[in-house]
Amino acid sequence: VAKDLGLDLSALRDRGARVVSEGRRQYFSLHEKTGHLVVAERIDREQVCRLMENCVQHCEVLLEGKM
């Protein structure tokens, strides 16, 4: 994520970067030492998507301040 945004790791921390998923469960997070997007908890596809053929989870990366 840091690389994709053109920021270094300290800028991610300084700007309060966080990942927000739809719904109450937050399946993704940012690894603070690498800036990588990681799975925060196990995702049970059958529970999340039930009978849907394609299972897609959307998330947003939020930063404080101006880009």
PDB file of N, CA and C in Angstrom:
ATOM      1  N   VAL A   1       0.831  -1.184   0.000  1.00  0.00           N
ATOM      2  CA  VAL A   1       0.000   0.000   0.000  1.00  0.00           C
ATOM      3  C   VAL A   1       0.875   1.246   0.000  1.00  0.00           C
ATOM      4  N   ALA A   2       1.905   1.249   0.831  1.00  0.00           N
ATOM      5  CA  ALA A   2       2.803   2.404   0.881  1.00  0.00           C
ATOM      6  C   ALA A   2       3.405   2.665  -0.495  1.00  0.00           C
ATOM      7  N   LYS A   3       3.874   1.628  -1.142  1.00  0.00           N
ATOM      8  CA  LYS A   3       4.487   1.762  -2.469  1.00  0.00           C
ATOM      9  C   LYS A   3       3.470   2.257  -3.488  1.00  0.00           C
ATOM     10  N   ASP A   4       2.262   1.686  -3.463  1.00  0.00           N
ATOM     11  CA  ASP A   4       1.225   2.087  -4.418  1.00  0.00           C
ATOM     12  C   ASP A   4       0.817   3.545  -4.259  1.00  0.00           C
ATOM     13  N   LEU A   5       0.855   4.055  -3.028  1.00  0.00           N
ATOM     14  CA  LEU A   5       0.490   5.448  -2.770  1.00  0.00           C
ATOM     15  C   LEU A   5       1.668   6.403  -2.923  1.00  0.00           C
ATOM     16  N   GLY A   6       2.859   5.849  -3.116  1.00  0.00           N
ATOM     17  CA  GLY A   6       4.048   6.691  -3.251  1.00  0.00           C
ATOM     18  C   GLY A   6       4.460   7.326  -1.931  1.00  0.00           C
ATOM     19  N   LEU A   7       4.201   6.637  -0.826  1.00  0.00           N
ATOM     20  CA  LEU A   7       4.548   7.141   0.499  1.00  0.00           C
ATOM     21  C   LEU A   7       5.530   6.198   1.172  1.00  0.00           C
ATOM     22  N   ASP A   8       6.336   6.736   2.093  1.00  0.00           N
ATOM     23  CA  ASP A   8       7.181   5.847   2.874  1.00  0.00           C
ATOM     24  C   ASP A   8       6.408   5.415   4.117  1.00  0.00           C
ATOM     25  N   LEU A   9       6.935   4.454   4.835  1.00  0.00           N
ATOM     26  CA  LEU A   9       6.225   3.891   5.985  1.00  0.00           C
ATOM     27  C   LEU A   9       5.944   4.913   7.070  1.00  0.00           C
ATOM     28  N   SER A  10       6.877   5.829   7.307  1.00  0.00           N
ATOM     29  CA  SER A  10       6.649   6.835   8.350  1.00  0.00           C
ATOM     30  C   SER A  10       5.491   7.750   7.967  1.00  0.00           C
ATOM     31  N   ALA A  11       5.324   8.041   6.680  1.00  0.00           N
ATOM     32  CA  ALA A  11       4.209   8.875   6.234  1.00  0.00           C
ATOM     33  C   ALA A  11       2.876   8.164   6.469  1.00  0.00           C
ATOM     34  N   LEU A  12       2.845   6.844   6.265  1.00  0.00           N
ATOM     35  CA  LEU A  12       1.616   6.088   6.545  1.00  0.00           C
ATOM     36  C   LEU A  12       1.239   6.203   8.019  1.00  0.00           C
ATOM     37  N   ARG A  13       2.226   6.031   8.886  1.00  0.00           N
ATOM     38  CA  ARG A  13       1.964   6.115  10.325  1.00  0.00           C
ATOM     39  C   ARG A  13       1.571   7.540  10.718  1.00  0.00           C
ATOM     40  N   ASP A  14       2.310   8.525  10.217  1.00  0.00           N
ATOM     41  CA  ASP A  14       2.047   9.919  10.577  1.00  0.00           C
ATOM     42  C   ASP A  14       0.662  10.379  10.135  1.00  0.00           C
ATOM     43  N   ARG A  15       0.190   9.828   9.038  1.00  0.00           N
ATOM     44  CA  ARG A  15      -1.114  10.239   8.502  1.00  0.00           C
ATOM     45  C   ARG A  15      -2.253   9.327   8.936  1.00  0.00           C
ATOM     46  N   GLY A  16      -1.982   8.434   9.893  1.00  0.00           N
ATOM     47  CA  GLY A  16      -3.029   7.600  10.462  1.00  0.00           C
ATOM     48  C   GLY A  16      -3.677   6.665   9.459  1.00  0.00           C
ATOM     49  N   ALA A  17      -2.885   6.078   8.570  1.00  0.00           N
ATOM     50  CA  ALA A  17      -3.433   5.183   7.544  1.00  0.00           C
ATOM     51  C   ALA A  17      -4.120   3.994   8.182  1.00  0.00           C
ATOM     52  N   ARG A  18      -5.285   3.666   7.632  1.00  0.00           N
ATOM     53  CA  ARG A  18      -6.013   2.492   8.104  1.00  0.00           C
ATOM     54  C   ARG A  18      -6.869   1.948   6.977  1.00  0.00           C
ATOM     55  N   VAL A  19      -7.231   0.685   7.098  1.00  0.00           N
ATOM     56  CA  VAL A  19      -8.060   0.008   6.108  1.00  0.00           C
ATOM     57  C   VAL A  19      -9.437  -0.198   6.711  1.00  0.00           C
ATOM     58  N   VAL A  20     -10.465   0.147   5.950  1.00  0.00           N
ATOM     59  CA  VAL A  20     -11.834   0.009   6.416  1.00  0.00           C
ATOM     60  C   VAL A  20     -12.587  -0.861   5.427  1.00  0.00           C
ATOM     61  N   SER A  21     -13.233  -1.905   5.949  1.00  0.00           N
ATOM     62  CA  SER A  21     -14.042  -2.813   5.138  1.00  0.00           C
ATOM     63  C   SER A  21     -15.513  -2.483   5.317  1.00  0.00           C
ATOM     64  N   GLU A  22     -16.324  -2.934   4.359  1.00  0.00           N
ATOM     65  CA  GLU A  22     -17.769  -2.780   4.494  1.00  0.00           C
ATOM     66  C   GLU A  22     -18.258  -3.654   5.650  1.00  0.00           C
ATOM     67  N   GLY A  23     -19.287  -3.228   6.332  1.00  0.00           N
ATOM     68  CA  GLY A  23     -19.854  -4.025   7.413  1.00  0.00           C
ATOM     69  C   GLY A  23     -19.105  -3.848   8.715  1.00  0.00           C
ATOM     70  N   ARG A  24     -19.495  -4.667   9.690  1.00  0.00           N
ATOM     71  CA  ARG A  24     -18.901  -4.569  11.026  1.00  0.00           C
ATOM     72  C   ARG A  24     -17.537  -5.227  11.125  1.00  0.00           C
ATOM     73  N   ARG A  25     -17.350  -6.313  10.408  1.00  0.00           N
ATOM     74  CA  ARG A  25     -16.072  -7.030  10.487  1.00  0.00           C
ATOM     75  C   ARG A  25     -15.014  -6.352   9.629  1.00  0.00           C
ATOM     76  N   GLN A  26     -13.833  -6.255  10.188  1.00  0.00           N
ATOM     77  CA  GLN A  26     -12.704  -5.666   9.475  1.00  0.00           C
ATOM     78  C   GLN A  26     -11.740  -6.788   9.130  1.00  0.00           C
ATOM     79  N   TYR A  27     -11.807  -7.265   7.892  1.00  0.00           N
ATOM     80  CA  TYR A  27     -11.014  -8.415   7.471  1.00  0.00           C
ATOM     81  C   TYR A  27      -9.577  -8.061   7.097  1.00  0.00           C
ATOM     82  N   PHE A  28      -9.305  -6.785   6.842  1.00  0.00           N
ATOM     83  CA  PHE A  28      -7.983  -6.384   6.367  1.00  0.00           C
ATOM     84  C   PHE A  28      -7.389  -5.320   7.271  1.00  0.00           C
ATOM     85  N   SER A  29      -6.067  -5.272   7.281  1.00  0.00           N
ATOM     86  CA  SER A  29      -5.358  -4.228   8.021  1.00  0.00           C
ATOM     87  C   SER A  29      -4.037  -3.951   7.319  1.00  0.00           C
ATOM     88  N   LEU A  30      -3.354  -2.912   7.768  1.00  0.00           N
ATOM     89  CA  LEU A  30      -2.029  -2.584   7.248  1.00  0.00           C
ATOM     90  C   LEU A  30      -0.983  -3.084   8.230  1.00  0.00           C
ATOM     91  N   HIS A  31       0.003  -3.782   7.714  1.00  0.00           N
ATOM     92  CA  HIS A  31       1.132  -4.214   8.548  1.00  0.00           C
ATOM     93  C   HIS A  31       1.998  -2.982   8.767  1.00  0.00           C
ATOM     94  N   GLU A  32       2.119  -2.552  10.010  1.00  0.00           N
ATOM     95  CA  GLU A  32       2.780  -1.266  10.264  1.00  0.00           C
ATOM     96  C   GLU A  32       4.272  -1.246   9.961  1.00  0.00           C
ATOM     97  N   LYS A  33       4.931  -2.390   9.955  1.00  0.00           N
ATOM     98  CA  LYS A  33       6.371  -2.397   9.675  1.00  0.00           C
ATOM     99  C   LYS A  33       6.694  -2.499   8.193  1.00  0.00           C
ATOM    100  N   THR A  34       5.747  -3.041   7.381  1.00  0.00           N
ATOM    101  CA  THR A  34       6.016  -3.222   5.951  1.00  0.00           C
ATOM    102  C   THR A  34       5.119  -2.379   5.055  1.00  0.00           C
ATOM    103  N   GLY A  35       3.970  -1.940   5.567  1.00  0.00           N
ATOM    104  CA  GLY A  35       3.015  -1.208   4.741  1.00  0.00           C
ATOM    105  C   GLY A  35       2.195  -2.111   3.833  1.00  0.00           C
ATOM    106  N   HIS A  36       2.272  -3.423   4.045  1.00  0.00           N
ATOM    107  CA  HIS A  36       1.518  -4.381   3.229  1.00  0.00           C
ATOM    108  C   HIS A  36       0.077  -4.498   3.727  1.00  0.00           C
ATOM    109  N   LEU A  37      -0.813  -4.767   2.797  1.00  0.00           N
ATOM    110  CA  LEU A  37      -2.197  -5.087   3.133  1.00  0.00           C
ATOM    111  C   LEU A  37      -2.235  -6.545   3.554  1.00  0.00           C
ATOM    112  N   VAL A  38      -2.763  -6.828   4.743  1.00  0.00           N
ATOM    113  CA  VAL A  38      -2.802  -8.203   5.248  1.00  0.00           C
ATOM    114  C   VAL A  38      -4.219  -8.553   5.690  1.00  0.00           C
ATOM    115  N   VAL A  39      -4.493  -9.851   5.750  1.00  0.00           N
ATOM    116  CA  VAL A  39      -5.768 -10.338   6.245  1.00  0.00           C
ATOM    117  C   VAL A  39      -5.716 -10.289   7.775  1.00  0.00           C
ATOM    118  N   ALA A  40      -6.650  -9.569   8.361  1.00  0.00           N
ATOM    119  CA  ALA A  40      -6.648  -9.375   9.812  1.00  0.00           C
ATOM    120  C   ALA A  40      -7.239 -10.567  10.552  1.00  0.00           C
ATOM    121  N   GLU A  41      -8.140 -11.275   9.903  1.00  0.00           N
ATOM    122  CA  GLU A  41      -8.728 -12.463  10.513  1.00  0.00           C
ATOM    123  C   GLU A  41      -9.156 -13.422   9.409  1.00  0.00           C
ATOM    124  N   ARG A  42      -9.385 -14.638   9.789  1.00  0.00           N
ATOM    125  CA  ARG A  42      -9.782 -15.675   8.833  1.00  0.00           C
ATOM    126  C   ARG A  42     -11.111 -15.294   8.194  1.00  0.00           C
ATOM    127  N   ILE A  43     -11.206 -15.452   6.863  1.00  0.00           N
ATOM    128  CA  ILE A  43     -12.437 -15.144   6.137  1.00  0.00           C
ATOM    129  C   ILE A  43     -13.114 -16.451   5.748  1.00  0.00           C
ATOM    130  N   ASP A  44     -14.316 -16.651   6.240  1.00  0.00           N
ATOM    131  CA  ASP A  44     -15.103 -17.834   5.917  1.00  0.00           C
ATOM    132  C   ASP A  44     -15.967 -17.498   4.704  1.00  0.00           C
ATOM    133  N   ARG A  45     -15.507 -17.922   3.525  1.00  0.00           N
ATOM    134  CA  ARG A  45     -16.189 -17.575   2.283  1.00  0.00           C
ATOM    135  C   ARG A  45     -17.643 -17.997   2.288  1.00  0.00           C
ATOM    136  N   GLU A  46     -17.948 -19.165   2.802  1.00  0.00           N
ATOM    137  CA  GLU A  46     -19.317 -19.661   2.799  1.00  0.00           C
ATOM    138  C   GLU A  46     -20.225 -18.853   3.716  1.00  0.00           C
ATOM    139  N   GLN A  47     -19.668 -18.296   4.765  1.00  0.00           N
ATOM    140  CA  GLN A  47     -20.458 -17.455   5.655  1.00  0.00           C
ATOM    141  C   GLN A  47     -20.623 -16.056   5.060  1.00  0.00           C
ATOM    142  N   VAL A  48     -19.566 -15.518   4.482  1.00  0.00           N
ATOM    143  CA  VAL A  48     -19.590 -14.148   3.969  1.00  0.00           C
ATOM    144  C   VAL A  48     -20.387 -14.043   2.669  1.00  0.00           C
ATOM    145  N   CYS A  49     -20.185 -14.973   1.750  1.00  0.00           N
ATOM    146  CA  CYS A  49     -20.785 -14.856   0.422  1.00  0.00           C
ATOM    147  C   CYS A  49     -21.916 -15.846   0.160  1.00  0.00           C
ATOM    148  N   ARG A  50     -22.123 -16.725   1.056  1.00  0.00           N
ATOM    149  CA  ARG A  50     -23.146 -17.763   0.941  1.00  0.00           C
ATOM    150  C   ARG A  50     -23.102 -18.457  -0.413  1.00  0.00           C
ATOM    151  N   LEU A  51     -24.136 -18.338  -1.213  1.00  0.00           N
ATOM    152  CA  LEU A  51     -24.222 -19.094  -2.469  1.00  0.00           C
ATOM    153  C   LEU A  51     -23.773 -18.305  -3.697  1.00  0.00           C
ATOM    154  N   MET A  52     -23.153 -17.161  -3.513  1.00  0.00           N
ATOM    155  CA  MET A  52     -22.695 -16.361  -4.648  1.00  0.00           C
ATOM    156  C   MET A  52     -21.466 -17.005  -5.276  1.00  0.00           C
ATOM    157  N   GLU A  53     -21.429 -17.007  -6.611  1.00  0.00           N
ATOM    158  CA  GLU A  53     -20.302 -17.610  -7.316  1.00  0.00           C
ATOM    159  C   GLU A  53     -19.018 -16.814  -7.122  1.00  0.00           C
ATOM    160  N   ASN A  54     -19.099 -15.493  -7.267  1.00  0.00           N
ATOM    161  CA  ASN A  54     -17.931 -14.632  -7.085  1.00  0.00           C
ATOM    162  C   ASN A  54     -18.013 -13.955  -5.721  1.00  0.00           C
ATOM    163  N   CYS A  55     -16.967 -14.111  -4.939  1.00  0.00           N
ATOM    164  CA  CYS A  55     -16.920 -13.521  -3.602  1.00  0.00           C
ATOM    165  C   CYS A  55     -15.907 -12.373  -3.606  1.00  0.00           C
ATOM    166  N   VAL A  56     -16.390 -11.148  -3.457  1.00  0.00           N
ATOM    167  CA  VAL A  56     -15.531  -9.972  -3.503  1.00  0.00           C
ATOM    168  C   VAL A  56     -15.708  -9.191  -2.212  1.00  0.00           C
ATOM    169  N   GLN A  57     -14.612  -8.829  -1.592  1.00  0.00           N
ATOM    170  CA  GLN A  57     -14.629  -7.997  -0.391  1.00  0.00           C
ATOM    171  C   GLN A  57     -14.006  -6.654  -0.737  1.00  0.00           C
ATOM    172  N   HIS A  58     -14.744  -5.593  -0.522  1.00  0.00           N
ATOM    173  CA  HIS A  58     -14.259  -4.254  -0.806  1.00  0.00           C
ATOM    174  C   HIS A  58     -13.695  -3.641   0.468  1.00  0.00           C
ATOM    175  N   CYS A  59     -12.648  -2.849   0.304  1.00  0.00           N
ATOM    176  CA  CYS A  59     -12.101  -2.116   1.431  1.00  0.00           C
ATOM    177  C   CYS A  59     -11.531  -0.803   0.916  1.00  0.00           C
ATOM    178  N   GLU A  60     -11.348   0.132   1.819  1.00  0.00           N
ATOM    179  CA  GLU A  60     -10.784   1.433   1.482  1.00  0.00           C
ATOM    180  C   GLU A  60      -9.594   1.704   2.394  1.00  0.00           C
ATOM    181  N   VAL A  61      -8.603   2.394   1.854  1.00  0.00           N
ATOM    182  CA  VAL A  61      -7.476   2.857   2.653  1.00  0.00           C
ATOM    183  C   VAL A  61      -7.721   4.324   2.939  1.00  0.00           C
ATOM    184  N   LEU A  62      -7.790   4.672   4.206  1.00  0.00           N
ATOM    185  CA  LEU A  62      -8.046   6.046   4.623  1.00  0.00           C
ATOM    186  C   LEU A  62      -6.767   6.672   5.171  1.00  0.00           C
ATOM    187  N   LEU A  63      -6.513   7.906   4.745  1.00  0.00           N
ATOM    188  CA  LEU A  63      -5.378   8.681   5.235  1.00  0.00           C
ATOM    189  C   LEU A  63      -5.879  10.014   5.730  1.00  0.00           C
ATOM    190  N   GLU A  64      -5.286  10.518   6.769  1.00  0.00           N
ATOM    191  CA  GLU A  64      -5.631  11.844   7.264  1.00  0.00           C
ATOM    192  C   GLU A  64      -4.764  12.878   6.563  1.00  0.00           C
ATOM    193  N   GLY A  65      -5.295  14.060   6.330  1.00  0.00           N
ATOM    194  CA  GLY A  65      -4.536  15.131   5.690  1.00  0.00           C
ATOM    195  C   GLY A  65      -4.668  15.089   4.175  1.00  0.00           C
ATOM    196  N   LYS A  66      -3.995  16.023   3.536  1.00  0.00           N
ATOM    197  CA  LYS A  66      -4.074  16.160   2.077  1.00  0.00           C
ATOM    198  C   LYS A  66      -3.115  15.242   1.362  1.00  0.00           C
ATOM    199  N   MET A  67      -3.501  14.810   0.166  1.00  0.00           N
ATOM    200  CA  MET A  67      -2.631  13.984  -0.682  1.00  0.00           C
ATOM    201  C   MET A  67      -1.772  14.880  -1.527  1.00  0.00           C
TER     202      MET A  67
END
